[in-house]
């Protein structure tokens, strides 16, 4: 079975996934309770490739950039 991933769905997209910002905060709180979070200070490969593909798409003639500009 192939796993689906949502491109660009980061921490801030939880309310779109779960439909309620308070529910998303409660889930994140439960998951991270008594955890040690390690921040590496680097961007992930998936984040970098998503940003590059969005930039490449926005530079094509006739396409609008995210946010409505050209």
C-alpha atoms as a PDB file:
ATOM      1  CA  UNK A   1       0.000   0.000   0.000  1.00  0.00           C
ATOM      2  CA  UNK A   2       1.405   3.355  -1.005  1.00  0.00           C
ATOM      3  CA  UNK A   3       1.433   6.061   1.644  1.00  0.00           C
ATOM      4  CA  UNK A   4       0.047   9.460   0.763  1.00  0.00           C
ATOM      5  CA  UNK A   5       1.682  12.592   2.068  1.00  0.00           C
ATOM      6  CA  UNK A   6       0.362  16.103   2.022  1.00  0.00           C
ATOM      7  CA  UNK A   7       2.878  18.426   0.450  1.00  0.00           C
ATOM      8  CA  UNK A   8       3.399  21.530   2.521  1.00  0.00           C
ATOM      9  CA  UNK A   9       1.178  20.483   5.400  1.00  0.00           C
ATOM     10  CA  UNK A  10       3.203  21.683   8.338  1.00  0.00           C
ATOM     11  CA  UNK A  11       2.521  22.461  11.934  1.00  0.00           C
ATOM     12  CA  UNK A  12       0.375  25.460  11.052  1.00  0.00           C
ATOM     13  CA  UNK A  13      -1.967  23.417   8.839  1.00  0.00           C
ATOM     14  CA  UNK A  14      -3.407  21.366  11.681  1.00  0.00           C
ATOM     15  CA  UNK A  15      -6.649  23.321  11.935  1.00  0.00           C
ATOM     16  CA  UNK A  16      -7.301  22.598   8.246  1.00  0.00           C
ATOM     17  CA  UNK A  17      -6.673  18.893   8.821  1.00  0.00           C
ATOM     18  CA  UNK A  18      -8.690  18.536  12.012  1.00  0.00           C
ATOM     19  CA  UNK A  19     -11.203  21.333  11.383  1.00  0.00           C
ATOM     20  CA  UNK A  20     -10.671  23.068  14.734  1.00  0.00           C
ATOM     21  CA  UNK A  21      -7.633  24.978  15.993  1.00  0.00           C
ATOM     22  CA  UNK A  22      -8.361  24.094  19.644  1.00  0.00           C
ATOM     23  CA  UNK A  23      -8.592  20.393  18.803  1.00  0.00           C
ATOM     24  CA  UNK A  24      -5.292  20.586  16.920  1.00  0.00           C
ATOM     25  CA  UNK A  25      -3.611  22.315  19.884  1.00  0.00           C
ATOM     26  CA  UNK A  26      -4.960  19.669  22.270  1.00  0.00           C
ATOM     27  CA  UNK A  27      -3.659  16.843  20.065  1.00  0.00           C
ATOM     28  CA  UNK A  28      -0.238  18.475  19.758  1.00  0.00           C
ATOM     29  CA  UNK A  29      -0.158  18.963  23.534  1.00  0.00           C
ATOM     30  CA  UNK A  30      -0.948  15.283  24.146  1.00  0.00           C
ATOM     31  CA  UNK A  31       1.645  14.093  21.653  1.00  0.00           C
ATOM     32  CA  UNK A  32       4.443  16.275  23.024  1.00  0.00           C
ATOM     33  CA  UNK A  33       3.704  15.753  26.735  1.00  0.00           C
ATOM     34  CA  UNK A  34       6.868  14.490  28.479  1.00  0.00           C
ATOM     35  CA  UNK A  35       8.799  14.479  25.213  1.00  0.00           C
ATOM     36  CA  UNK A  36      12.168  15.835  24.306  1.00  0.00           C
ATOM     37  CA  UNK A  37      11.899  17.850  21.107  1.00  0.00           C
ATOM     38  CA  UNK A  38      15.112  18.196  19.148  1.00  0.00           C
ATOM     39  CA  UNK A  39      15.450  21.080  16.741  1.00  0.00           C
ATOM     40  CA  UNK A  40      18.261  20.556  14.277  1.00  0.00           C
ATOM     41  CA  UNK A  41      18.175  24.067  12.852  1.00  0.00           C
ATOM     42  CA  UNK A  42      17.936  22.742   9.291  1.00  0.00           C
ATOM     43  CA  UNK A  43      15.080  22.557   6.834  1.00  0.00           C
ATOM     44  CA  UNK A  44      13.811  19.178   5.771  1.00  0.00           C
ATOM     45  CA  UNK A  45      14.357  17.761   2.294  1.00  0.00           C
ATOM     46  CA  UNK A  46      10.591  17.667   1.670  1.00  0.00           C
ATOM     47  CA  UNK A  47      10.206  21.316   2.680  1.00  0.00           C
ATOM     48  CA  UNK A  48      13.054  22.405   0.395  1.00  0.00           C
ATOM     49  CA  UNK A  49      11.770  20.485  -2.642  1.00  0.00           C
ATOM     50  CA  UNK A  50       8.231  21.780  -2.104  1.00  0.00           C
ATOM     51  CA  UNK A  51       9.471  25.367  -1.938  1.00  0.00           C
ATOM     52  CA  UNK A  52      11.598  24.867  -5.066  1.00  0.00           C
ATOM     53  CA  UNK A  53       8.684  23.398  -7.030  1.00  0.00           C
ATOM     54  CA  UNK A  54       6.378  26.237  -5.930  1.00  0.00           C
ATOM     55  CA  UNK A  55       8.982  28.788  -6.991  1.00  0.00           C
ATOM     56  CA  UNK A  56       9.506  27.072 -10.359  1.00  0.00           C
ATOM     57  CA  UNK A  57       5.744  26.979 -10.969  1.00  0.00           C
ATOM     58  CA  UNK A  58       5.401  30.661 -10.107  1.00  0.00           C
ATOM     59  CA  UNK A  59       8.134  31.616 -12.584  1.00  0.00           C
ATOM     60  CA  UNK A  60       6.381  29.999 -15.577  1.00  0.00           C
ATOM     61  CA  UNK A  61       4.815  32.491 -18.002  1.00  0.00           C
ATOM     62  CA  UNK A  62       1.088  32.945 -17.478  1.00  0.00           C
ATOM     63  CA  UNK A  63       1.068  31.484 -13.989  1.00  0.00           C
ATOM     64  CA  UNK A  64       0.301  33.520 -10.922  1.00  0.00           C
ATOM     65  CA  UNK A  65       2.437  33.374  -7.819  1.00  0.00           C
ATOM     66  CA  UNK A  66       0.901  32.313  -4.512  1.00  0.00           C
ATOM     67  CA  UNK A  67      -0.744  35.398  -3.050  1.00  0.00           C
ATOM     68  CA  UNK A  68      -2.111  36.662  -6.354  1.00  0.00           C
ATOM     69  CA  UNK A  69       0.939  38.580  -7.666  1.00  0.00           C
ATOM     70  CA  UNK A  70       2.679  38.066 -11.005  1.00  0.00           C
END
